[in-house]
Amino acid sequence: MIQKMKAAVVYAFGPSKNIKILNDYVKPTILDHECLINVKFAGVNPVDTYIREGKYPVLPELPYIPGREGSGIVVQIGPAFKGQISIGDRVWFSSPRTGSCAEFCAAKHVFPLPKEAPLEYGAVLGIAYSSAFRALFMKANITESDTLLIHGASGGVGTAAIQLAKSVGAKVIGTAGSVEGMELIKKHGCDEVYNHRTPEYINQLKETYPQGFSIILEVLANVNLDKDLDLVGKKGKIVIIGNRGMAQIDARKLMAKESMITGVGLAHTTPQEFPVIGSTLSTLLNQKKIFPIIQKIGKLEDLSQLHDEIMDPNVTRTGKITVSI
């Protein structure tokens, strides 16, 4: 007998109204190397909207369940699953084969959630924290000697990057576009904060840091990349983790400083990198060196609205968005 579950389902790429909530969608069957998870919370991210619109480089077959991260309880383990996980464990997961916006999800990148950590914390580790980890540790090789600028630090990736950078003792400067955002990033570890909606902030950064920044984490490259080239130090690194359009730069600035621009795409995480990222984030969460900031917890029925909100430039981002399943 085919088992059913509640799920958000997309049958055609396009606007958020294409997300349908069904109570009788087919429950996934796991492969040998996967776990079946009873999902409790699922993260909502900009990448989910790109996929839904059909604008992501790698698209799922239709119909599909949205959601690339989540947390829940393990209910079944495949015979070839690799990991220290038992049935009944509280876990978080990343890049599942079936989407996380459903009652059940099949995933192979599954990691234990510390006993004291709320389940909703686990739902936001798979995209924002994993992306920030790859950017800072696997691309920029951040250390305590670095001075990091996070251009747009109040969102999910930005706040994750603040905490991860501070965990190794780096100096962190962040920008935000609202008083609430500036207060948030200061509270959660930024050594200095600037308002990137004021015209003078670039000159203020140049005056305060004439040698430039050794690392810049950029979450909106189409707006800021050329500014980053003015702010990066000699042989510094600009790591792009977000973009919403074409970016124009003066490449001579890049040459003059022998600086480097690189990008991070979570889809390119290797099988060797997943366990390193997962175990490290679980450890840091257990040590309370990272503490996910949840801005909003919605219902599965709110998913269409949340897809619109997360891309609305008029909505202030002060943390991650999740849905309760």
C-alpha atoms as a PDB file:
ATOM      1  CA  MET A   1       0.000   0.000   0.000  1.00  0.00           C
ATOM      2  CA  ILE A   2       1.364   3.438  -0.979  1.00  0.00           C
ATOM      3  CA  GLN A   3       1.760   5.670   2.067  1.00  0.00           C
ATOM      4  CA  LYS A   4       0.778   9.333   1.881  1.00  0.00           C
ATOM      5  CA  MET A   5       1.981  12.523   3.563  1.00  0.00           C
ATOM      6  CA  LYS A   6       1.416  16.264   3.708  1.00  0.00           C
ATOM      7  CA  ALA A   7       3.757  18.205   1.424  1.00  0.00           C
ATOM      8  CA  ALA A   8       4.299  21.413  -0.501  1.00  0.00           C
ATOM      9  CA  VAL A   9       4.522  20.518  -4.200  1.00  0.00           C
ATOM     10  CA  VAL A  10       5.486  22.453  -7.334  1.00  0.00           C
ATOM     11  CA  TYR A  11       4.069  21.088 -10.601  1.00  0.00           C
ATOM     12  CA  ALA A  12       5.302  23.877 -12.903  1.00  0.00           C
ATOM     13  CA  PHE A  13       8.172  26.355 -12.636  1.00  0.00           C
ATOM     14  CA  GLY A  14       6.982  29.904 -12.143  1.00  0.00           C
ATOM     15  CA  PRO A  15       5.546  32.263  -9.496  1.00  0.00           C
ATOM     16  CA  SER A  16       5.012  31.444  -5.841  1.00  0.00           C
ATOM     17  CA  LYS A  17       1.332  30.656  -6.460  1.00  0.00           C
ATOM     18  CA  ASN A  18       2.552  27.462  -8.153  1.00  0.00           C
ATOM     19  CA  ILE A  19       3.292  26.016  -4.714  1.00  0.00           C
ATOM     20  CA  LYS A  20       0.435  23.689  -3.760  1.00  0.00           C
ATOM     21  CA  ILE A  21      -0.158  22.133  -0.336  1.00  0.00           C
ATOM     22  CA  LEU A  22      -1.306  18.519  -0.587  1.00  0.00           C
ATOM     23  CA  ASN A  23      -2.346  16.101   2.137  1.00  0.00           C
ATOM     24  CA  ASP A  24      -2.001  12.961   0.018  1.00  0.00           C
ATOM     25  CA  TYR A  25       1.403  13.189  -1.649  1.00  0.00           C
ATOM     26  CA  VAL A  26       3.417   9.984  -1.916  1.00  0.00           C
ATOM     27  CA  LYS A  27       5.727   9.400   1.041  1.00  0.00           C
ATOM     28  CA  PRO A  28       9.348   8.915  -0.144  1.00  0.00           C
ATOM     29  CA  THR A  29      11.109   5.567  -0.085  1.00  0.00           C
ATOM     30  CA  ILE A  30      14.741   5.792   0.981  1.00  0.00           C
ATOM     31  CA  LEU A  31      17.745   4.462  -0.891  1.00  0.00           C
ATOM     32  CA  ASP A  32      20.233   2.219   0.894  1.00  0.00           C
ATOM     33  CA  HIS A  33      22.565   5.116   1.803  1.00  0.00           C
ATOM     34  CA  GLU A  34      19.811   7.419   3.117  1.00  0.00           C
ATOM     35  CA  CYS A  35      17.735   8.105   6.219  1.00  0.00           C
ATOM     36  CA  LEU A  36      14.020   8.804   6.344  1.00  0.00           C
ATOM     37  CA  ILE A  37      13.326  11.820   8.508  1.00  0.00           C
ATOM     38  CA  ASN A  38      10.055  12.947  10.034  1.00  0.00           C
ATOM     39  CA  VAL A  39      10.547  16.631   9.306  1.00  0.00           C
ATOM     40  CA  LYS A  40       9.651  19.125  12.033  1.00  0.00           C
ATOM     41  CA  PHE A  41      11.093  22.333  10.581  1.00  0.00           C
ATOM     42  CA  ALA A  42      12.302  23.330   7.110  1.00  0.00           C
ATOM     43  CA  GLY A  43      14.412  26.347   6.199  1.00  0.00           C
ATOM     44  CA  VAL A  44      13.297  28.833   3.538  1.00  0.00           C
ATOM     45  CA  ASN A  45      16.038  30.391   1.396  1.00  0.00           C
ATOM     46  CA  PRO A  46      16.446  32.592  -1.694  1.00  0.00           C
ATOM     47  CA  VAL A  47      17.749  29.566  -3.612  1.00  0.00           C
ATOM     48  CA  ASP A  48      14.333  27.953  -3.143  1.00  0.00           C
ATOM     49  CA  THR A  49      12.775  30.792  -5.125  1.00  0.00           C
ATOM     50  CA  TYR A  50      15.363  30.526  -7.909  1.00  0.00           C
ATOM     51  CA  ILE A  51      14.606  26.823  -8.281  1.00  0.00           C
ATOM     52  CA  ARG A  52      10.844  27.388  -8.185  1.00  0.00           C
ATOM     53  CA  GLU A  53      11.140  30.026 -10.928  1.00  0.00           C
ATOM     54  CA  GLY A  54      13.213  27.654 -13.072  1.00  0.00           C
ATOM     55  CA  LYS A  55      16.228  29.986 -12.959  1.00  0.00           C
ATOM     56  CA  TYR A  56      18.694  27.760 -11.097  1.00  0.00           C
ATOM     57  CA  PRO A  57      21.490  25.998 -13.050  1.00  0.00           C
ATOM     58  CA  VAL A  58      20.401  22.549 -11.848  1.00  0.00           C
ATOM     59  CA  LEU A  59      16.647  21.985 -11.694  1.00  0.00           C
ATOM     60  CA  PRO A  60      14.676  19.076 -10.226  1.00  0.00           C
ATOM     61  CA  GLU A  61      12.261  16.999 -12.238  1.00  0.00           C
ATOM     62  CA  LEU A  62       8.658  18.111 -11.958  1.00  0.00           C
ATOM     63  CA  PRO A  63       6.744  17.746  -9.770  1.00  0.00           C
ATOM     64  CA  TYR A  64       9.063  18.374  -6.835  1.00  0.00           C
ATOM     65  CA  ILE A  65       8.949  19.276  -3.147  1.00  0.00           C
ATOM     66  CA  PRO A  66      10.780  22.542  -2.318  1.00  0.00           C
ATOM     67  CA  GLY A  67      13.262  22.885   0.527  1.00  0.00           C
ATOM     68  CA  ARG A  68      16.999  22.211   0.774  1.00  0.00           C
ATOM     69  CA  GLU A  69      17.450  21.978   4.547  1.00  0.00           C
ATOM     70  CA  GLY A  70      15.563  20.939   7.626  1.00  0.00           C
ATOM     71  CA  SER A  71      15.465  19.166  10.968  1.00  0.00           C
ATOM     72  CA  GLY A  72      13.464  16.374  12.497  1.00  0.00           C
ATOM     73  CA  ILE A  73      13.470  12.840  13.868  1.00  0.00           C
ATOM     74  CA  VAL A  74      15.044   9.809  12.189  1.00  0.00           C
ATOM     75  CA  VAL A  75      12.446   7.094  11.565  1.00  0.00           C
ATOM     76  CA  GLN A  76      14.328   4.768   9.192  1.00  0.00           C
ATOM     77  CA  ILE A  77      17.989   4.149   8.301  1.00  0.00           C
ATOM     78  CA  GLY A  78      19.206   2.533   5.107  1.00  0.00           C
ATOM     79  CA  PRO A  79      21.620  -0.427   5.395  1.00  0.00           C
ATOM     80  CA  ALA A  80      24.451   1.485   3.682  1.00  0.00           C
ATOM     81  CA  PHE A  81      24.005   4.821   5.476  1.00  0.00           C
ATOM     82  CA  LYS A  82      27.294   6.283   6.693  1.00  0.00           C
ATOM     83  CA  GLY A  83      27.013   8.249   9.909  1.00  0.00           C
ATOM     84  CA  GLN A  84      26.606   8.009  13.677  1.00  0.00           C
ATOM     85  CA  ILE A  85      22.823   8.175  13.644  1.00  0.00           C
ATOM     86  CA  SER A  86      20.155   6.002  15.298  1.00  0.00           C
ATOM     87  CA  ILE A  87      16.390   5.751  14.889  1.00  0.00           C
ATOM     88  CA  GLY A  88      14.733   8.341  17.122  1.00  0.00           C
ATOM     89  CA  ASP A  89      17.659  10.780  16.989  1.00  0.00           C
ATOM     90  CA  ARG A  90      17.080  14.509  16.593  1.00  0.00           C
ATOM     91  CA  VAL A  91      18.968  15.556  13.470  1.00  0.00           C
ATOM     92  CA  TRP A  92      19.519  18.270  10.899  1.00  0.00           C
ATOM     93  CA  PHE A  93      20.111  17.618   7.225  1.00  0.00           C
ATOM     94  CA  SER A  94      21.328  19.314   4.064  1.00  0.00           C
ATOM     95  CA  SER A  95      20.705  18.874   0.330  1.00  0.00           C
ATOM     96  CA  PRO A  96      18.098  16.109   0.647  1.00  0.00           C
ATOM     97  CA  ARG A  97      17.097  14.019  -2.361  1.00  0.00           C
ATOM     98  CA  THR A  98      13.457  14.846  -1.676  1.00  0.00           C
ATOM     99  CA  GLY A  99      12.466  18.325  -0.489  1.00  0.00           C
ATOM    100  CA  SER A 100      12.267  19.291   3.162  1.00  0.00           C
ATOM    101  CA  CYS A 101       8.875  21.062   2.981  1.00  0.00           C
ATOM    102  CA  ALA A 102       7.018  17.841   3.689  1.00  0.00           C
ATOM    103  CA  GLU A 103       6.210  15.530   6.583  1.00  0.00           C
ATOM    104  CA  PHE A 104       8.922  13.089   5.506  1.00  0.00           C
ATOM    105  CA  CYS A 105      12.193  13.532   3.658  1.00  0.00           C
ATOM    106  CA  ALA A 106      14.908  11.209   2.311  1.00  0.00           C
ATOM    107  CA  ALA A 107      18.456  12.479   2.897  1.00  0.00           C
ATOM    108  CA  LYS A 108      22.009  11.164   3.116  1.00  0.00           C
ATOM    109  CA  HIS A 109      23.729  14.249   4.595  1.00  0.00           C
ATOM    110  CA  VAL A 110      22.324  13.872   8.095  1.00  0.00           C
ATOM    111  CA  PHE A 111      23.951  15.077  11.324  1.00  0.00           C
ATOM    112  CA  PRO A 112      23.121  14.898  15.042  1.00  0.00           C
ATOM    113  CA  LEU A 113      21.519  17.874  16.720  1.00  0.00           C
ATOM    114  CA  PRO A 114      22.793  18.590  20.258  1.00  0.00           C
ATOM    115  CA  LYS A 115      20.241  17.757  22.950  1.00  0.00           C
ATOM    116  CA  GLU A 116      19.960  21.338  24.193  1.00  0.00           C
ATOM    117  CA  ALA A 117      19.534  22.850  20.725  1.00  0.00           C
ATOM    118  CA  PRO A 118      15.957  23.609  19.634  1.00  0.00           C
ATOM    119  CA  LEU A 119      14.857  21.669  16.556  1.00  0.00           C
ATOM    120  CA  GLU A 120      14.293  24.898  14.640  1.00  0.00           C
ATOM    121  CA  TYR A 121      18.025  25.684  14.971  1.00  0.00           C
ATOM    122  CA  GLY A 122      18.831  22.586  12.963  1.00  0.00           C
ATOM    123  CA  ALA A 123      16.537  23.672  10.148  1.00  0.00           C
ATOM    124  CA  VAL A 124      18.809  26.595   9.237  1.00  0.00           C
ATOM    125  CA  LEU A 125      22.249  24.963   9.322  1.00  0.00           C
ATOM    126  CA  GLY A 126      22.102  23.276   5.924  1.00  0.00           C
ATOM    127  CA  ILE A 127      22.147  26.373   3.679  1.00  0.00           C
ATOM    128  CA  ALA A 128      23.206  29.582   5.459  1.00  0.00           C
ATOM    129  CA  TYR A 129      25.732  28.089   7.874  1.00  0.00           C
ATOM    130  CA  SER A 130      27.057  25.542   5.396  1.00  0.00           C
ATOM    131  CA  SER A 131      27.464  28.239   2.727  1.00  0.00           C
ATOM    132  CA  ALA A 132      29.190  30.606   5.151  1.00  0.00           C
ATOM    133  CA  PHE A 133      31.446  27.780   6.344  1.00  0.00           C
ATOM    134  CA  ARG A 134      32.524  26.900   2.809  1.00  0.00           C
ATOM    135  CA  ALA A 135      33.107  30.567   1.989  1.00  0.00           C
ATOM    136  CA  LEU A 136      35.183  31.374   5.047  1.00  0.00           C
ATOM    137  CA  PHE A 137      37.049  28.150   5.745  1.00  0.00           C
ATOM    138  CA  MET A 138      37.252  26.334   2.412  1.00  0.00           C
ATOM    139  CA  LYS A 139      37.628  29.343   0.083  1.00  0.00           C
ATOM    140  CA  ALA A 140      39.102  32.184   2.148  1.00  0.00           C
ATOM    141  CA  ASN A 141      40.969  30.063   4.733  1.00  0.00           C
ATOM    142  CA  ILE A 142      40.067  32.529   7.477  1.00  0.00           C
ATOM    143  CA  THR A 143      42.219  32.755  10.620  1.00  0.00           C
ATOM    144  CA  GLU A 144      42.374  34.964  13.701  1.00  0.00           C
ATOM    145  CA  SER A 145      44.722  37.349  11.865  1.00  0.00           C
ATOM    146  CA  ASP A 146      42.095  38.267   9.256  1.00  0.00           C
ATOM    147  CA  THR A 147      39.902  41.349   9.097  1.00  0.00           C
ATOM    148  CA  LEU A 148      36.598  40.379   7.499  1.00  0.00           C
ATOM    149  CA  LEU A 149      34.010  42.683   5.948  1.00  0.00           C
ATOM    150  CA  ILE A 150      30.547  41.181   5.543  1.00  0.00           C
ATOM    151  CA  HIS A 151      28.661  43.282   3.019  1.00  0.00           C
ATOM    152  CA  GLY A 152      25.060  42.717   4.121  1.00  0.00           C
ATOM    153  CA  ALA A 153      25.472  40.951   7.448  1.00  0.00           C
ATOM    154  CA  SER A 154      21.971  40.953   8.923  1.00  0.00           C
ATOM    155  CA  GLY A 155      20.481  38.092   6.904  1.00  0.00           C
ATOM    156  CA  GLY A 156      20.818  34.369   7.437  1.00  0.00           C
ATOM    157  CA  VAL A 157      24.189  33.896   5.728  1.00  0.00           C
ATOM    158  CA  GLY A 158      25.569  37.115   7.181  1.00  0.00           C
ATOM    159  CA  THR A 159      24.760  36.313  10.798  1.00  0.00           C
ATOM    160  CA  ALA A 160      26.100  32.787  10.306  1.00  0.00           C
ATOM    161  CA  ALA A 161      29.341  34.222   8.920  1.00  0.00           C
ATOM    162  CA  ILE A 162      29.703  36.590  11.882  1.00  0.00           C
ATOM    163  CA  GLN A 163      29.504  33.728  14.349  1.00  0.00           C
ATOM    164  CA  LEU A 164      31.791  31.422  12.377  1.00  0.00           C
ATOM    165  CA  ALA A 165      34.438  34.118  11.915  1.00  0.00           C
ATOM    166  CA  LYS A 166      34.357  35.034  15.605  1.00  0.00           C
ATOM    167  CA  SER A 167      34.737  31.358  16.508  1.00  0.00           C
ATOM    168  CA  VAL A 168      38.337  31.556  15.209  1.00  0.00           C
ATOM    169  CA  GLY A 169      39.012  35.033  16.582  1.00  0.00           C
ATOM    170  CA  ALA A 170      38.878  37.080  13.366  1.00  0.00           C
ATOM    171  CA  LYS A 171      37.924  40.759  13.422  1.00  0.00           C
ATOM    172  CA  VAL A 172      34.503  41.251  11.837  1.00  0.00           C
ATOM    173  CA  ILE A 173      33.037  44.406  10.341  1.00  0.00           C
ATOM    174  CA  GLY A 174      29.472  44.206   9.075  1.00  0.00           C
ATOM    175  CA  THR A 175      27.056  46.361   7.129  1.00  0.00           C
ATOM    176  CA  ALA A 176      23.277  46.450   7.314  1.00  0.00           C
ATOM    177  CA  GLY A 177      20.545  48.606   5.821  1.00  0.00           C
ATOM    178  CA  SER A 178      18.440  49.389   8.878  1.00  0.00           C
ATOM    179  CA  VAL A 179      18.790  50.357  12.515  1.00  0.00           C
ATOM    180  CA  GLU A 180      17.351  46.958  13.489  1.00  0.00           C
ATOM    181  CA  GLY A 181      19.869  45.165  11.302  1.00  0.00           C
ATOM    182  CA  MET A 182      22.788  47.158  12.683  1.00  0.00           C
ATOM    183  CA  GLU A 183      21.727  46.462  16.253  1.00  0.00           C
ATOM    184  CA  LEU A 184      21.340  42.772  15.457  1.00  0.00           C
ATOM    185  CA  ILE A 185      24.783  42.250  13.944  1.00  0.00           C
ATOM    186  CA  LYS A 186      26.447  44.257  16.711  1.00  0.00           C
ATOM    187  CA  LYS A 187      24.668  42.156  19.327  1.00  0.00           C
ATOM    188  CA  HIS A 188      25.773  38.942  17.693  1.00  0.00           C
ATOM    189  CA  GLY A 189      29.472  39.638  17.348  1.00  0.00           C
ATOM    190  CA  CYS A 190      30.365  42.339  14.811  1.00  0.00           C
ATOM    191  CA  ASP A 191      33.224  44.465  16.118  1.00  0.00           C
ATOM    192  CA  GLU A 192      32.014  47.447  14.070  1.00  0.00           C
ATOM    193  CA  VAL A 193      28.862  48.111  12.047  1.00  0.00           C
ATOM    194  CA  TYR A 194      28.014  50.462   9.176  1.00  0.00           C
ATOM    195  CA  ASN A 195      24.794  51.435   7.413  1.00  0.00           C
ATOM    196  CA  HIS A 196      25.173  50.585   3.723  1.00  0.00           C
ATOM    197  CA  ARG A 197      22.184  52.751   2.807  1.00  0.00           C
ATOM    198  CA  THR A 198      24.105  55.932   3.645  1.00  0.00           C
ATOM    199  CA  PRO A 199      26.213  57.400   0.805  1.00  0.00           C
ATOM    200  CA  GLU A 200      29.258  58.022   3.004  1.00  0.00           C
ATOM    201  CA  TYR A 201      29.792  54.497   4.337  1.00  0.00           C
ATOM    202  CA  ILE A 202      32.325  53.493   1.667  1.00  0.00           C
ATOM    203  CA  ASN A 203      34.527  56.497   2.464  1.00  0.00           C
ATOM    204  CA  GLN A 204      34.145  55.782   6.171  1.00  0.00           C
ATOM    205  CA  LEU A 205      35.389  52.229   5.640  1.00  0.00           C
ATOM    206  CA  LYS A 206      38.313  53.438   3.521  1.00  0.00           C
ATOM    207  CA  GLU A 207      39.341  55.970   6.165  1.00  0.00           C
ATOM    208  CA  THR A 208      39.064  53.498   9.027  1.00  0.00           C
ATOM    209  CA  TYR A 209      40.760  50.637   7.146  1.00  0.00           C
ATOM    210  CA  PRO A 210      43.243  52.238   4.718  1.00  0.00           C
ATOM    211  CA  GLN A 211      45.017  48.895   4.227  1.00  0.00           C
ATOM    212  CA  GLY A 212      41.762  47.289   3.149  1.00  0.00           C
ATOM    213  CA  PHE A 213      40.155  44.040   4.231  1.00  0.00           C
ATOM    214  CA  SER A 214      41.860  40.679   3.906  1.00  0.00           C
ATOM    215  CA  ILE A 215      38.486  39.003   3.238  1.00  0.00           C
ATOM    216  CA  ILE A 216      35.179  40.397   1.997  1.00  0.00           C
ATOM    217  CA  LEU A 217      32.056  38.241   2.042  1.00  0.00           C
ATOM    218  CA  GLU A 218      29.611  39.560  -0.551  1.00  0.00           C
ATOM    219  CA  VAL A 219      25.925  38.641  -0.500  1.00  0.00           C
ATOM    220  CA  LEU A 220      24.729  41.008  -3.269  1.00  0.00           C
ATOM    221  CA  ALA A 221      27.456  41.116  -5.887  1.00  0.00           C
ATOM    222  CA  ASN A 222      25.464  42.874  -8.595  1.00  0.00           C
ATOM    223  CA  VAL A 223      25.214  45.932  -6.324  1.00  0.00           C
ATOM    224  CA  ASN A 224      28.461  45.860  -4.369  1.00  0.00           C
ATOM    225  CA  LEU A 225      31.211  44.044  -6.261  1.00  0.00           C
ATOM    226  CA  ASP A 226      32.914  47.119  -7.714  1.00  0.00           C
ATOM    227  CA  LYS A 227      32.789  48.765  -4.269  1.00  0.00           C
ATOM    228  CA  ASP A 228      34.396  45.640  -2.829  1.00  0.00           C
ATOM    229  CA  LEU A 229      37.349  46.114  -5.174  1.00  0.00           C
ATOM    230  CA  ASP A 230      37.900  49.542  -3.608  1.00  0.00           C
ATOM    231  CA  LEU A 231      37.759  48.067  -0.108  1.00  0.00           C
ATOM    232  CA  VAL A 232      39.716  44.820  -0.408  1.00  0.00           C
ATOM    233  CA  GLY A 233      43.358  44.830   0.645  1.00  0.00           C
ATOM    234  CA  LYS A 234      46.385  43.744  -1.349  1.00  0.00           C
ATOM    235  CA  LYS A 235      46.161  40.042  -2.166  1.00  0.00           C
ATOM    236  CA  GLY A 236      42.799  40.020  -0.402  1.00  0.00           C
ATOM    237  CA  LYS A 237      39.906  37.723  -1.215  1.00  0.00           C
ATOM    238  CA  ILE A 238      36.353  38.609  -2.196  1.00  0.00           C
ATOM    239  CA  VAL A 239      34.026  35.644  -1.782  1.00  0.00           C
ATOM    240  CA  ILE A 240      30.668  35.978  -3.525  1.00  0.00           C
ATOM    241  CA  ILE A 241      27.852  34.129  -1.839  1.00  0.00           C
ATOM    242  CA  GLY A 242      24.866  35.922  -3.358  1.00  0.00           C
ATOM    243  CA  ASN A 243      23.917  37.750  -6.551  1.00  0.00           C
ATOM    244  CA  ARG A 244      20.716  38.912  -8.253  1.00  0.00           C
ATOM    245  CA  GLY A 245      21.857  40.303 -11.582  1.00  0.00           C
ATOM    246  CA  MET A 246      24.768  41.387 -13.761  1.00  0.00           C
ATOM    247  CA  ALA A 247      27.775  42.916 -12.000  1.00  0.00           C
ATOM    248  CA  GLN A 248      30.072  45.454 -13.654  1.00  0.00           C
ATOM    249  CA  ILE A 249      33.601  45.973 -12.352  1.00  0.00           C
ATOM    250  CA  ASP A 250      36.798  47.777 -13.269  1.00  0.00           C
ATOM    251  CA  ALA A 251      39.218  44.855 -13.593  1.00  0.00           C
ATOM    252  CA  ARG A 252      42.191  47.205 -13.211  1.00  0.00           C
ATOM    253  CA  LYS A 253      41.344  47.484  -9.520  1.00  0.00           C
ATOM    254  CA  LEU A 254      41.688  43.725  -9.256  1.00  0.00           C
ATOM    255  CA  MET A 255      45.051  43.771 -11.011  1.00  0.00           C
ATOM    256  CA  ALA A 256      46.404  46.695  -8.980  1.00  0.00           C
ATOM    257  CA  LYS A 257      46.002  44.799  -5.705  1.00  0.00           C
ATOM    258  CA  GLU A 258      46.427  41.264  -7.032  1.00  0.00           C
ATOM    259  CA  SER A 259      43.229  40.513  -5.169  1.00  0.00           C
ATOM    260  CA  MET A 260      41.009  37.547  -5.942  1.00  0.00           C
ATOM    261  CA  ILE A 261      37.306  37.069  -6.585  1.00  0.00           C
ATOM    262  CA  THR A 262      35.779  33.647  -6.073  1.00  0.00           C
ATOM    263  CA  GLY A 263      32.268  32.318  -5.729  1.00  0.00           C
ATOM    264  CA  VAL A 264      30.561  29.752  -3.532  1.00  0.00           C
ATOM    265  CA  GLY A 265      27.792  27.480  -4.734  1.00  0.00           C
ATOM    266  CA  LEU A 266      26.551  24.986  -2.178  1.00  0.00           C
ATOM    267  CA  ALA A 267      25.584  22.616  -4.982  1.00  0.00           C
ATOM    268  CA  HIS A 268      29.299  22.058  -5.585  1.00  0.00           C
ATOM    269  CA  THR A 269      29.938  20.708  -2.087  1.00  0.00           C
ATOM    270  CA  THR A 270      31.882  17.462  -2.496  1.00  0.00           C
ATOM    271  CA  PRO A 271      31.110  14.158  -0.755  1.00  0.00           C
ATOM    272  CA  GLN A 272      34.294  14.702   1.256  1.00  0.00           C
ATOM    273  CA  GLU A 273      33.255  18.193   2.367  1.00  0.00           C
ATOM    274  CA  PHE A 274      29.756  17.362   3.625  1.00  0.00           C
ATOM    275  CA  PRO A 275      30.861  15.363   6.701  1.00  0.00           C
ATOM    276  CA  VAL A 276      33.504  17.959   7.606  1.00  0.00           C
ATOM    277  CA  ILE A 277      30.971  20.776   7.444  1.00  0.00           C
ATOM    278  CA  GLY A 278      28.289  18.790   9.253  1.00  0.00           C
ATOM    279  CA  SER A 279      30.425  17.551  12.126  1.00  0.00           C
ATOM    280  CA  THR A 280      32.059  20.954  12.640  1.00  0.00           C
ATOM    281  CA  LEU A 281      28.751  22.825  12.724  1.00  0.00           C
ATOM    282  CA  SER A 282      27.240  20.294  15.134  1.00  0.00           C
ATOM    283  CA  THR A 283      30.282  20.692  17.402  1.00  0.00           C
ATOM    284  CA  LEU A 284      30.161  24.504  17.287  1.00  0.00           C
ATOM    285  CA  LEU A 285      26.436  24.411  18.050  1.00  0.00           C
ATOM    286  CA  ASN A 286      27.078  22.113  21.001  1.00  0.00           C
ATOM    287  CA  GLN A 287      29.811  24.495  22.218  1.00  0.00           C
ATOM    288  CA  LYS A 288      27.393  27.430  21.828  1.00  0.00           C
ATOM    289  CA  LYS A 289      29.823  29.174  19.490  1.00  0.00           C
ATOM    290  CA  ILE A 290      27.073  29.427  16.904  1.00  0.00           C
ATOM    291  CA  PHE A 291      23.452  30.246  17.707  1.00  0.00           C
ATOM    292  CA  PRO A 292      21.092  30.473  14.740  1.00  0.00           C
ATOM    293  CA  ILE A 293      18.921  33.569  14.576  1.00  0.00           C
ATOM    294  CA  ILE A 294      15.351  32.746  13.606  1.00  0.00           C
ATOM    295  CA  GLN A 295      13.411  35.756  12.352  1.00  0.00           C
ATOM    296  CA  LYS A 296      10.162  33.983  11.594  1.00  0.00           C
ATOM    297  CA  ILE A 297       8.561  30.553  11.880  1.00  0.00           C
ATOM    298  CA  GLY A 298       5.620  30.134   9.526  1.00  0.00           C
ATOM    299  CA  LYS A 299       3.290  27.282   8.691  1.00  0.00           C
ATOM    300  CA  LEU A 300       3.652  25.069   5.640  1.00  0.00           C
ATOM    301  CA  GLU A 301       0.514  26.728   4.281  1.00  0.00           C
ATOM    302  CA  ASP A 302       2.407  30.067   4.371  1.00  0.00           C
ATOM    303  CA  LEU A 303       5.185  28.871   2.063  1.00  0.00           C
ATOM    304  CA  SER A 304       4.087  30.841  -1.017  1.00  0.00           C
ATOM    305  CA  GLN A 305       3.939  34.041   1.009  1.00  0.00           C
ATOM    306  CA  LEU A 306       7.328  33.344   2.599  1.00  0.00           C
ATOM    307  CA  HIS A 307       8.897  32.831  -0.840  1.00  0.00           C
ATOM    308  CA  ASP A 308       7.694  36.324  -1.746  1.00  0.00           C
ATOM    309  CA  GLU A 309       8.815  37.873   1.538  1.00  0.00           C
ATOM    310  CA  ILE A 310      12.343  36.506   1.394  1.00  0.00           C
ATOM    311  CA  MET A 311      12.913  38.205  -1.969  1.00  0.00           C
ATOM    312  CA  ASP A 312      11.189  41.496  -1.090  1.00  0.00           C
ATOM    313  CA  PRO A 313      13.826  44.269  -0.787  1.00  0.00           C
ATOM    314  CA  ASN A 314      11.439  46.270   1.393  1.00  0.00           C
ATOM    315  CA  VAL A 315      11.335  43.571   4.080  1.00  0.00           C
ATOM    316  CA  THR A 316      14.129  43.914   6.647  1.00  0.00           C
ATOM    317  CA  ARG A 317      16.114  40.702   7.060  1.00  0.00           C
ATOM    318  CA  THR A 318      17.153  40.011  10.648  1.00  0.00           C
ATOM    319  CA  GLY A 319      17.658  36.255  10.552  1.00  0.00           C
ATOM    320  CA  LYS A 320      16.408  33.043   9.037  1.00  0.00           C
ATOM    321  CA  ILE A 321      12.905  32.019   7.997  1.00  0.00           C
ATOM    322  CA  THR A 322      11.572  28.528   8.670  1.00  0.00           C
ATOM    323  CA  VAL A 323       8.305  26.659   8.397  1.00  0.00           C
ATOM    324  CA  SER A 324       6.884  24.260  10.935  1.00  0.00           C
ATOM    325  CA  ILE A 325       5.732  21.037   9.312  1.00  0.00           C
END
